[in-house]
Amino acid sequence: MLMKLILLFTVIPIVELGLLLKLNEYIGLSYTLLIVLMTGIAGAYLAKKEGRGILQRIKLEMSQGRMPGDELINGLCVLIGGAFLLTPGLLTDISGFILVVPFTRGILKHFIKGRIRQMVEDGTFTFYYRK
């Protein structure tokens, strides 16, 4: 776990900075900054829009007495994707859009559900329920 955090907070920002510097060489500083700014704005708008829809669907399912499992996974994906989109960089922007856009999120959600199912079967996933 520690190595994953080191990777997350050191290696990825260095790679992102290198990509932005290389992009700057090809298209110039103003266009590079414009891309970073526009993906941040578009990402924040899309994440907010998707998040509101997910919250409405969660409320609807709960009012009907159903557990909103799929929508909770959608919400987690949009939350993480929104954070990625607000982080400057090309790789985080691509990852963020994959997590926020409904079509690609649906594909990814299938793999997340399979991974959770596998963890439950292996006994490595613990669920705590409190009343």
N, C-alpha and C. Protein backbone atom coordinates (compact mmCIF):
# COMPACT_ATOMS: atom_id res chain seq x y z
N MET A 1 0.82 -1.19 0.00
CA MET A 1 0.00 0.00 0.00
C MET A 1 0.87 1.26 0.00
N LEU A 2 1.95 1.22 0.78
CA LEU A 2 2.83 2.37 0.85
C LEU A 2 3.46 2.67 -0.51
N MET A 3 3.83 1.63 -1.23
CA MET A 3 4.43 1.82 -2.55
C MET A 3 3.43 2.43 -3.52
N LYS A 4 2.17 2.06 -3.41
CA LYS A 4 1.15 2.63 -4.28
C LYS A 4 0.98 4.12 -4.00
N LEU A 5 1.03 4.50 -2.73
CA LEU A 5 0.92 5.91 -2.38
C LEU A 5 2.14 6.70 -2.85
N ILE A 6 3.32 6.10 -2.73
CA ILE A 6 4.52 6.76 -3.24
C ILE A 6 4.41 6.96 -4.74
N LEU A 7 3.93 5.94 -5.45
CA LEU A 7 3.72 6.04 -6.89
C LEU A 7 2.72 7.13 -7.21
N LEU A 8 1.63 7.15 -6.46
CA LEU A 8 0.57 8.11 -6.72
C LEU A 8 1.03 9.55 -6.53
N PHE A 9 1.77 9.82 -5.48
CA PHE A 9 2.12 11.20 -5.15
C PHE A 9 3.48 11.67 -5.65
N THR A 10 4.28 10.80 -6.23
CA THR A 10 5.58 11.24 -6.74
C THR A 10 5.76 10.96 -8.22
N VAL A 11 5.59 9.74 -8.61
CA VAL A 11 5.89 9.37 -10.00
C VAL A 11 4.87 9.96 -10.97
N ILE A 12 3.60 9.85 -10.66
CA ILE A 12 2.57 10.34 -11.57
C ILE A 12 2.69 11.86 -11.80
N PRO A 13 2.86 12.70 -10.77
CA PRO A 13 3.04 14.13 -11.04
C PRO A 13 4.28 14.43 -11.89
N ILE A 14 5.36 13.68 -11.70
CA ILE A 14 6.57 13.90 -12.50
C ILE A 14 6.29 13.56 -13.97
N VAL A 15 5.60 12.46 -14.21
CA VAL A 15 5.25 12.08 -15.58
C VAL A 15 4.32 13.12 -16.19
N GLU A 16 3.33 13.57 -15.42
CA GLU A 16 2.39 14.59 -15.90
C GLU A 16 3.13 15.88 -16.27
N LEU A 17 4.06 16.30 -15.43
CA LEU A 17 4.83 17.51 -15.70
C LEU A 17 5.66 17.34 -16.97
N GLY A 18 6.27 16.18 -17.13
CA GLY A 18 7.04 15.91 -18.34
C GLY A 18 6.18 15.97 -19.59
N LEU A 19 4.98 15.41 -19.52
CA LEU A 19 4.07 15.45 -20.67
C LEU A 19 3.63 16.88 -20.99
N LEU A 20 3.34 17.66 -19.96
CA LEU A 20 2.94 19.05 -20.19
C LEU A 20 4.09 19.87 -20.78
N LEU A 21 5.31 19.62 -20.33
CA LEU A 21 6.46 20.32 -20.89
C LEU A 21 6.69 19.93 -22.35
N LYS A 22 6.50 18.66 -22.66
CA LYS A 22 6.66 18.19 -24.05
C LYS A 22 5.56 18.78 -24.92
N LEU A 23 4.33 18.82 -24.42
CA LEU A 23 3.23 19.43 -25.16
C LEU A 23 3.51 20.91 -25.40
N ASN A 24 4.09 21.58 -24.40
CA ASN A 24 4.45 22.98 -24.52
C ASN A 24 5.44 23.18 -25.67
N GLU A 25 6.37 22.27 -25.86
CA GLU A 25 7.34 22.37 -26.96
C GLU A 25 6.64 22.32 -28.31
N TYR A 26 5.59 21.51 -28.42
CA TYR A 26 4.92 21.33 -29.71
C TYR A 26 3.89 22.40 -30.03
N ILE A 27 3.10 22.81 -29.03
CA ILE A 27 2.01 23.74 -29.34
C ILE A 27 2.14 25.10 -28.67
N GLY A 28 3.08 25.25 -27.76
CA GLY A 28 3.28 26.54 -27.11
C GLY A 28 2.62 26.61 -25.74
N LEU A 29 3.10 27.56 -24.95
CA LEU A 29 2.63 27.70 -23.57
C LEU A 29 1.17 28.10 -23.49
N SER A 30 0.74 29.05 -24.31
CA SER A 30 -0.64 29.53 -24.20
C SER A 30 -1.65 28.43 -24.52
N TYR A 31 -1.39 27.63 -25.54
CA TYR A 31 -2.31 26.54 -25.87
C TYR A 31 -2.27 25.43 -24.82
N THR A 32 -1.11 25.17 -24.28
CA THR A 32 -1.00 24.16 -23.23
C THR A 32 -1.81 24.59 -22.01
N LEU A 33 -1.64 25.84 -21.60
CA LEU A 33 -2.41 26.35 -20.46
C LEU A 33 -3.91 26.36 -20.75
N LEU A 34 -4.27 26.69 -21.99
CA LEU A 34 -5.68 26.69 -22.39
C LEU A 34 -6.27 25.28 -22.29
N ILE A 35 -5.51 24.28 -22.72
CA ILE A 35 -5.98 22.89 -22.63
C ILE A 35 -6.19 22.50 -21.17
N VAL A 36 -5.24 22.83 -20.32
CA VAL A 36 -5.36 22.50 -18.89
C VAL A 36 -6.57 23.20 -18.29
N LEU A 37 -6.75 24.47 -18.61
CA LEU A 37 -7.88 25.24 -18.08
C LEU A 37 -9.22 24.70 -18.59
N MET A 38 -9.30 24.43 -19.88
CA MET A 38 -10.56 23.97 -20.46
C MET A 38 -10.96 22.58 -19.97
N THR A 39 -9.99 21.68 -19.83
CA THR A 39 -10.34 20.35 -19.32
C THR A 39 -10.78 20.43 -17.86
N GLY A 40 -10.19 21.36 -17.10
CA GLY A 40 -10.63 21.54 -15.72
C GLY A 40 -12.05 22.06 -15.63
N ILE A 41 -12.36 23.05 -16.46
CA ILE A 41 -13.72 23.61 -16.47
C ILE A 41 -14.74 22.60 -16.97
N ALA A 42 -14.43 21.96 -18.10
CA ALA A 42 -15.35 20.96 -18.66
C ALA A 42 -15.52 19.79 -17.70
N GLY A 43 -14.44 19.37 -17.08
CA GLY A 43 -14.51 18.26 -16.13
C GLY A 43 -15.35 18.59 -14.91
N ALA A 44 -15.17 19.79 -14.38
CA ALA A 44 -15.96 20.19 -13.21
C ALA A 44 -17.45 20.25 -13.56
N TYR A 45 -17.77 20.80 -14.73
CA TYR A 45 -19.17 20.88 -15.15
C TYR A 45 -19.77 19.48 -15.33
N LEU A 46 -19.03 18.62 -16.02
CA LEU A 46 -19.53 17.26 -16.29
C LEU A 46 -19.68 16.46 -15.00
N ALA A 47 -18.70 16.57 -14.10
CA ALA A 47 -18.77 15.85 -12.83
C ALA A 47 -19.96 16.33 -12.00
N LYS A 48 -20.19 17.64 -11.98
CA LYS A 48 -21.31 18.19 -11.23
C LYS A 48 -22.64 17.70 -11.82
N LYS A 49 -22.75 17.73 -13.13
CA LYS A 49 -23.98 17.29 -13.81
C LYS A 49 -24.24 15.81 -13.55
N GLU A 50 -23.21 14.99 -13.72
CA GLU A 50 -23.37 13.55 -13.49
C GLU A 50 -23.65 13.25 -12.02
N GLY A 51 -22.97 13.97 -11.13
CA GLY A 51 -23.18 13.75 -9.71
C GLY A 51 -24.60 14.04 -9.26
N ARG A 52 -25.17 15.11 -9.79
CA ARG A 52 -26.56 15.43 -9.45
C ARG A 52 -27.52 14.34 -9.93
N GLY A 53 -27.30 13.85 -11.14
CA GLY A 53 -28.15 12.78 -11.65
C GLY A 53 -28.03 11.52 -10.82
N ILE A 54 -26.82 11.20 -10.41
CA ILE A 54 -26.61 10.00 -9.59
C ILE A 54 -27.29 10.15 -8.24
N LEU A 55 -27.18 11.32 -7.63
CA LEU A 55 -27.86 11.55 -6.35
C LEU A 55 -29.37 11.39 -6.47
N GLN A 56 -29.95 11.88 -7.56
CA GLN A 56 -31.39 11.73 -7.77
C GLN A 56 -31.77 10.27 -7.91
N ARG A 57 -30.96 9.50 -8.65
CA ARG A 57 -31.25 8.07 -8.83
C ARG A 57 -31.08 7.30 -7.53
N ILE A 58 -30.10 7.70 -6.70
CA ILE A 58 -29.92 7.05 -5.39
C ILE A 58 -31.15 7.31 -4.52
N LYS A 59 -31.61 8.56 -4.48
CA LYS A 59 -32.80 8.89 -3.70
C LYS A 59 -34.01 8.11 -4.18
N LEU A 60 -34.17 8.00 -5.50
CA LEU A 60 -35.31 7.27 -6.06
C LEU A 60 -35.27 5.80 -5.67
N GLU A 61 -34.12 5.18 -5.82
CA GLU A 61 -34.02 3.75 -5.48
C GLU A 61 -34.24 3.52 -3.99
N MET A 62 -33.70 4.40 -3.16
CA MET A 62 -33.90 4.23 -1.72
C MET A 62 -35.36 4.45 -1.34
N SER A 63 -36.05 5.38 -2.01
CA SER A 63 -37.46 5.61 -1.70
C SER A 63 -38.31 4.41 -2.11
N GLN A 64 -37.81 3.63 -3.05
CA GLN A 64 -38.52 2.42 -3.47
C GLN A 64 -38.07 1.19 -2.69
N GLY A 65 -37.21 1.39 -1.70
CA GLY A 65 -36.78 0.29 -0.84
C GLY A 65 -35.70 -0.59 -1.43
N ARG A 66 -35.00 -0.10 -2.44
CA ARG A 66 -33.93 -0.89 -3.06
C ARG A 66 -32.57 -0.33 -2.66
N MET A 67 -31.59 -1.20 -2.62
CA MET A 67 -30.22 -0.77 -2.34
C MET A 67 -29.62 -0.23 -3.64
N PRO A 68 -29.15 1.02 -3.65
CA PRO A 68 -28.64 1.62 -4.88
C PRO A 68 -27.17 1.26 -5.16
N GLY A 69 -26.88 -0.04 -5.25
CA GLY A 69 -25.50 -0.49 -5.41
C GLY A 69 -24.81 0.05 -6.65
N ASP A 70 -25.46 -0.05 -7.81
CA ASP A 70 -24.86 0.45 -9.05
C ASP A 70 -24.63 1.96 -8.98
N GLU A 71 -25.57 2.67 -8.42
CA GLU A 71 -25.45 4.12 -8.35
C GLU A 71 -24.37 4.55 -7.36
N LEU A 72 -24.16 3.76 -6.32
CA LEU A 72 -23.07 4.07 -5.39
C LEU A 72 -21.72 3.91 -6.08
N ILE A 73 -21.59 2.88 -6.91
CA ILE A 73 -20.36 2.71 -7.68
C ILE A 73 -20.21 3.85 -8.68
N ASN A 74 -21.31 4.23 -9.34
CA ASN A 74 -21.27 5.38 -10.25
C ASN A 74 -20.81 6.64 -9.51
N GLY A 75 -21.36 6.86 -8.33
CA GLY A 75 -20.99 8.03 -7.54
C GLY A 75 -19.52 8.03 -7.18
N LEU A 76 -18.99 6.88 -6.79
CA LEU A 76 -17.57 6.79 -6.47
C LEU A 76 -16.72 7.09 -7.69
N CYS A 77 -17.10 6.55 -8.84
CA CYS A 77 -16.36 6.80 -10.08
C CYS A 77 -16.37 8.29 -10.43
N VAL A 78 -17.52 8.93 -10.32
CA VAL A 78 -17.63 10.35 -10.66
C VAL A 78 -16.83 11.19 -9.67
N LEU A 79 -16.85 10.83 -8.40
CA LEU A 79 -16.08 11.57 -7.40
C LEU A 79 -14.58 11.49 -7.70
N ILE A 80 -14.08 10.30 -7.95
CA ILE A 80 -12.66 10.13 -8.25
C ILE A 80 -12.33 10.79 -9.59
N GLY A 81 -13.20 10.60 -10.59
CA GLY A 81 -12.98 11.21 -11.89
C GLY A 81 -12.96 12.73 -11.82
N GLY A 82 -13.84 13.30 -11.02
CA GLY A 82 -13.86 14.75 -10.86
C GLY A 82 -12.57 15.26 -10.24
N ALA A 83 -12.05 14.53 -9.26
CA ALA A 83 -10.78 14.93 -8.65
C ALA A 83 -9.64 14.84 -9.67
N PHE A 84 -9.67 13.80 -10.50
CA PHE A 84 -8.65 13.67 -11.55
C PHE A 84 -8.75 14.82 -12.55
N LEU A 85 -9.96 15.21 -12.91
CA LEU A 85 -10.14 16.28 -13.89
C LEU A 85 -9.70 17.64 -13.36
N LEU A 86 -9.76 17.84 -12.08
CA LEU A 86 -9.32 19.10 -11.51
C LEU A 86 -7.81 19.15 -11.30
N THR A 87 -7.16 17.99 -11.40
CA THR A 87 -5.71 17.92 -11.29
C THR A 87 -5.09 18.20 -12.66
N PRO A 88 -4.18 19.16 -12.75
CA PRO A 88 -3.60 19.46 -14.07
C PRO A 88 -2.76 18.29 -14.58
N GLY A 89 -2.95 17.96 -15.83
CA GLY A 89 -2.18 16.89 -16.45
C GLY A 89 -2.99 16.16 -17.49
N LEU A 90 -2.31 15.56 -18.43
CA LEU A 90 -2.99 14.86 -19.52
C LEU A 90 -3.48 13.48 -19.10
N LEU A 91 -2.65 12.72 -18.40
CA LEU A 91 -3.06 11.38 -17.99
C LEU A 91 -4.20 11.41 -16.99
N THR A 92 -4.14 12.34 -16.04
CA THR A 92 -5.23 12.43 -15.07
C THR A 92 -6.51 12.92 -15.74
N ASP A 93 -6.39 13.79 -16.74
CA ASP A 93 -7.59 14.24 -17.46
C ASP A 93 -8.24 13.10 -18.23
N ILE A 94 -7.43 12.31 -18.90
CA ILE A 94 -7.97 11.15 -19.65
C ILE A 94 -8.63 10.19 -18.68
N SER A 95 -7.96 9.88 -17.57
CA SER A 95 -8.54 8.98 -16.56
C SER A 95 -9.82 9.56 -15.98
N GLY A 96 -9.82 10.86 -15.73
CA GLY A 96 -11.01 11.51 -15.18
C GLY A 96 -12.19 11.44 -16.12
N PHE A 97 -11.96 11.72 -17.40
CA PHE A 97 -13.06 11.64 -18.36
C PHE A 97 -13.58 10.21 -18.50
N ILE A 98 -12.69 9.23 -18.44
CA ILE A 98 -13.13 7.82 -18.50
C ILE A 98 -14.05 7.51 -17.32
N LEU A 99 -13.73 8.04 -16.15
CA LEU A 99 -14.54 7.77 -14.96
C LEU A 99 -15.84 8.57 -14.92
N VAL A 100 -15.88 9.73 -15.58
CA VAL A 100 -17.06 10.60 -15.48
C VAL A 100 -18.06 10.36 -16.61
N VAL A 101 -17.59 10.10 -17.81
CA VAL A 101 -18.49 9.91 -18.96
C VAL A 101 -19.28 8.61 -18.76
N PRO A 102 -20.62 8.67 -18.88
CA PRO A 102 -21.45 7.50 -18.57
C PRO A 102 -21.11 6.23 -19.36
N PHE A 103 -20.81 6.35 -20.65
CA PHE A 103 -20.54 5.15 -21.45
C PHE A 103 -19.29 4.43 -20.96
N THR A 104 -18.21 5.15 -20.81
CA THR A 104 -16.96 4.50 -20.38
C THR A 104 -17.03 4.09 -18.91
N ARG A 105 -17.75 4.87 -18.11
CA ARG A 105 -17.93 4.51 -16.70
C ARG A 105 -18.70 3.20 -16.59
N GLY A 106 -19.67 2.98 -17.47
CA GLY A 106 -20.44 1.74 -17.45
C GLY A 106 -19.57 0.52 -17.71
N ILE A 107 -18.64 0.67 -18.63
CA ILE A 107 -17.71 -0.43 -18.93
C ILE A 107 -16.82 -0.69 -17.72
N LEU A 108 -16.30 0.38 -17.15
CA LEU A 108 -15.42 0.26 -15.99
C LEU A 108 -16.17 -0.29 -14.78
N LYS A 109 -17.43 0.10 -14.63
CA LYS A 109 -18.25 -0.36 -13.51
C LYS A 109 -18.39 -1.89 -13.52
N HIS A 110 -18.47 -2.47 -14.71
CA HIS A 110 -18.56 -3.92 -14.85
C HIS A 110 -17.32 -4.58 -14.22
N PHE A 111 -16.14 -4.03 -14.47
CA PHE A 111 -14.92 -4.59 -13.91
C PHE A 111 -14.83 -4.35 -12.40
N ILE A 112 -15.30 -3.20 -11.94
CA ILE A 112 -15.28 -2.91 -10.50
C ILE A 112 -16.18 -3.88 -9.75
N LYS A 113 -17.38 -4.12 -10.28
CA LYS A 113 -18.30 -5.06 -9.64
C LYS A 113 -17.72 -6.47 -9.60
N GLY A 114 -17.06 -6.86 -10.67
CA GLY A 114 -16.41 -8.17 -10.70
C GLY A 114 -15.30 -8.28 -9.67
N ARG A 115 -14.54 -7.20 -9.52
CA ARG A 115 -13.44 -7.19 -8.54
C ARG A 115 -13.99 -7.25 -7.12
N ILE A 116 -15.05 -6.51 -6.84
CA ILE A 116 -15.67 -6.56 -5.50
C ILE A 116 -16.22 -7.95 -5.24
N ARG A 117 -16.88 -8.53 -6.22
CA ARG A 117 -17.43 -9.89 -6.07
C ARG A 117 -16.30 -10.88 -5.76
N GLN A 118 -15.18 -10.76 -6.46
CA GLN A 118 -14.04 -11.64 -6.23
C GLN A 118 -13.46 -11.45 -4.83
N MET A 119 -13.39 -10.21 -4.38
CA MET A 119 -12.87 -9.94 -3.04
C MET A 119 -13.79 -10.52 -1.96
N VAL A 120 -15.10 -10.47 -2.18
CA VAL A 120 -16.05 -11.05 -1.23
C VAL A 120 -15.89 -12.56 -1.19
N GLU A 121 -15.75 -13.18 -2.36
CA GLU A 121 -15.59 -14.63 -2.42
C GLU A 121 -14.28 -15.08 -1.78
N ASP A 122 -13.21 -14.30 -1.95
CA ASP A 122 -11.91 -14.64 -1.37
C ASP A 122 -11.83 -14.33 0.12
N GLY A 123 -12.76 -13.54 0.62
CA GLY A 123 -12.75 -13.16 2.02
C GLY A 123 -11.83 -11.98 2.32
N THR A 124 -11.41 -11.26 1.29
CA THR A 124 -10.55 -10.11 1.51
C THR A 124 -11.33 -8.81 1.56
N PHE A 125 -12.63 -8.86 1.37
CA PHE A 125 -13.50 -7.69 1.44
C PHE A 125 -14.36 -7.82 2.68
N THR A 126 -14.29 -6.83 3.56
CA THR A 126 -15.05 -6.87 4.79
C THR A 126 -16.10 -5.76 4.76
N PHE A 127 -17.30 -6.12 5.10
CA PHE A 127 -18.41 -5.17 5.11
C PHE A 127 -18.91 -5.06 6.55
N TYR A 128 -18.95 -3.86 7.07
CA TYR A 128 -19.44 -3.62 8.42
C TYR A 128 -20.81 -2.96 8.33
N TYR A 129 -21.75 -3.49 9.06
CA TYR A 129 -23.11 -2.95 9.06
C TYR A 129 -23.46 -2.54 10.48
N ARG A 130 -23.86 -1.28 10.63
CA ARG A 130 -24.28 -0.80 11.95
C ARG A 130 -25.68 -0.26 11.86
N LYS A 131 -26.47 -0.55 12.86
CA LYS A 131 -27.82 0.01 12.93
C LYS A 131 -27.83 1.28 13.70
